[in-house]
Amino acid sequence: MATERKKILLRLDPSVHDALARWAADDLRSTNAQIEFLLRRALTDASRMPSGADRLPRRGRPPKESPAQDGSEPDGSTGS
């Protein structure tokens, strides 16, 4: 079971928020996910990332399944 995520109120200058939101959109992340990504990177760079921190959940579409190596279709049929 995953640990409940903490919620905080963050006050930002509107121009900083706008720049952050544009950056997040460029990286296909939500603004919230971008903030957490940047905070984690800063913690890691400063050697302050706690060893017990959960990994960021993978966002977006699941990866496409690769075709089966035995010649069958991805759904298990043989294609005939």
C-alpha atoms as a PDB file:
ATOM      1  CA  MET A   1       0.000   0.000   0.000  1.00  0.00           C
ATOM      2  CA  ALA A   2       1.387   3.386  -1.004  1.00  0.00           C
ATOM      3  CA  THR A   3       1.904   6.136   1.507  1.00  0.00           C
ATOM      4  CA  GLU A   4      -0.623   8.951   1.368  1.00  0.00           C
ATOM      5  CA  ARG A   5       0.775  11.947  -0.473  1.00  0.00           C
ATOM      6  CA  LYS A   6       1.206  15.203   1.441  1.00  0.00           C
ATOM      7  CA  LYS A   7      -0.743  18.276   0.378  1.00  0.00           C
ATOM      8  CA  ILE A   8       0.696  21.774   0.721  1.00  0.00           C
ATOM      9  CA  LEU A   9      -0.372  25.267  -0.188  1.00  0.00           C
ATOM     10  CA  LEU A  10       2.198  26.966  -2.383  1.00  0.00           C
ATOM     11  CA  ARG A  11       2.111  30.655  -3.168  1.00  0.00           C
ATOM     12  CA  LEU A  12       3.923  31.683  -6.339  1.00  0.00           C
ATOM     13  CA  ASP A  13       4.423  34.878  -8.250  1.00  0.00           C
ATOM     14  CA  PRO A  14       1.971  34.674 -11.193  1.00  0.00           C
ATOM     15  CA  SER A  15       4.750  35.018 -13.784  1.00  0.00           C
ATOM     16  CA  VAL A  16       6.714  32.181 -12.123  1.00  0.00           C
ATOM     17  CA  HIS A  17       3.575  30.022 -12.132  1.00  0.00           C
ATOM     18  CA  ASP A  18       2.941  30.778 -15.813  1.00  0.00           C
ATOM     19  CA  ALA A  19       6.530  29.883 -16.743  1.00  0.00           C
ATOM     20  CA  LEU A  20       6.326  26.687 -14.688  1.00  0.00           C
ATOM     21  CA  ALA A  21       2.996  25.728 -16.293  1.00  0.00           C
ATOM     22  CA  ARG A  22       4.444  26.247 -19.793  1.00  0.00           C
ATOM     23  CA  TRP A  23       7.498  24.151 -18.892  1.00  0.00           C
ATOM     24  CA  ALA A  24       5.274  21.411 -17.493  1.00  0.00           C
ATOM     25  CA  ALA A  25       3.179  21.388 -20.666  1.00  0.00           C
ATOM     26  CA  ASP A  26       6.335  21.137 -22.775  1.00  0.00           C
ATOM     27  CA  ASP A  27       7.363  18.081 -20.713  1.00  0.00           C
ATOM     28  CA  LEU A  28       3.817  16.615 -20.833  1.00  0.00           C
ATOM     29  CA  ARG A  29       3.452  16.892 -17.052  1.00  0.00           C
ATOM     30  CA  SER A  30       0.960  18.604 -14.795  1.00  0.00           C
ATOM     31  CA  THR A  31       2.214  21.688 -12.988  1.00  0.00           C
ATOM     32  CA  ASN A  32       2.095  19.732  -9.729  1.00  0.00           C
ATOM     33  CA  ALA A  33       4.144  16.858 -11.206  1.00  0.00           C
ATOM     34  CA  GLN A  34       6.653  19.363 -12.616  1.00  0.00           C
ATOM     35  CA  ILE A  35       7.120  20.959  -9.182  1.00  0.00           C
ATOM     36  CA  GLU A  36       7.701  17.555  -7.585  1.00  0.00           C
ATOM     37  CA  PHE A  37      10.099  16.556 -10.385  1.00  0.00           C
ATOM     38  CA  LEU A  38      12.125  19.737  -9.891  1.00  0.00           C
ATOM     39  CA  LEU A  39      12.154  19.420  -6.102  1.00  0.00           C
ATOM     40  CA  ARG A  40      13.348  15.811  -6.341  1.00  0.00           C
ATOM     41  CA  ARG A  41      16.076  16.814  -8.791  1.00  0.00           C
ATOM     42  CA  ALA A  42      17.203  19.619  -6.474  1.00  0.00           C
ATOM     43  CA  LEU A  43      17.250  17.240  -3.482  1.00  0.00           C
ATOM     44  CA  THR A  44      19.263  14.687  -5.441  1.00  0.00           C
ATOM     45  CA  ASP A  45      21.725  17.317  -6.703  1.00  0.00           C
ATOM     46  CA  ALA A  46      22.222  18.542  -3.107  1.00  0.00           C
ATOM     47  CA  SER A  47      22.651  14.924  -1.851  1.00  0.00           C
ATOM     48  CA  ARG A  48      19.583  15.417   0.342  1.00  0.00           C
ATOM     49  CA  MET A  49      17.130  12.973  -1.240  1.00  0.00           C
ATOM     50  CA  PRO A  50      15.916  10.655   1.525  1.00  0.00           C
ATOM     51  CA  SER A  51      16.685   7.006   0.840  1.00  0.00           C
ATOM     52  CA  GLY A  52      13.159   5.974   1.837  1.00  0.00           C
ATOM     53  CA  ALA A  53      11.378   8.262  -0.629  1.00  0.00           C
ATOM     54  CA  ASP A  54       8.984   6.488  -2.975  1.00  0.00           C
ATOM     55  CA  ARG A  55       9.747   6.715  -6.664  1.00  0.00           C
ATOM     56  CA  LEU A  56       7.615   9.022  -8.748  1.00  0.00           C
ATOM     57  CA  PRO A  57       4.667   7.141 -10.215  1.00  0.00           C
ATOM     58  CA  ARG A  58       4.936   6.605 -13.954  1.00  0.00           C
ATOM     59  CA  ARG A  59       2.471   8.862 -15.733  1.00  0.00           C
ATOM     60  CA  GLY A  60       0.915   8.708 -19.165  1.00  0.00           C
ATOM     61  CA  ARG A  61       0.001   5.849 -21.408  1.00  0.00           C
ATOM     62  CA  PRO A  62       1.284   2.377 -20.666  1.00  0.00           C
ATOM     63  CA  PRO A  63       3.979   1.179 -23.071  1.00  0.00           C
ATOM     64  CA  LYS A  64       2.813  -0.671 -26.176  1.00  0.00           C
ATOM     65  CA  GLU A  65       3.168  -4.409 -25.971  1.00  0.00           C
ATOM     66  CA  SER A  66       5.786  -5.758 -28.337  1.00  0.00           C
ATOM     67  CA  PRO A  67       4.661  -8.448 -30.821  1.00  0.00           C
ATOM     68  CA  ALA A  68       5.119 -11.985 -29.584  1.00  0.00           C
ATOM     69  CA  GLN A  69       8.408 -13.620 -30.581  1.00  0.00           C
ATOM     70  CA  ASP A  70       6.759 -16.948 -31.519  1.00  0.00           C
ATOM     71  CA  GLY A  71       4.878 -15.517 -34.535  1.00  0.00           C
ATOM     72  CA  SER A  72       1.531 -15.305 -32.779  1.00  0.00           C
ATOM     73  CA  GLU A  73      -0.486 -12.124 -32.607  1.00  0.00           C
ATOM     74  CA  PRO A  74      -0.320  -9.996 -29.395  1.00  0.00           C
ATOM     75  CA  ASP A  75      -3.790 -11.293 -28.407  1.00  0.00           C
ATOM     76  CA  GLY A  76      -2.493 -14.876 -28.431  1.00  0.00           C
ATOM     77  CA  SER A  77      -4.021 -15.895 -31.771  1.00  0.00           C
ATOM     78  CA  THR A  78      -1.915 -17.235 -34.640  1.00  0.00           C
ATOM     79  CA  GLY A  79      -3.212 -14.725 -37.157  1.00  0.00           C
ATOM     80  CA  SER A  80      -4.921 -17.324 -39.380  1.00  0.00           C
END
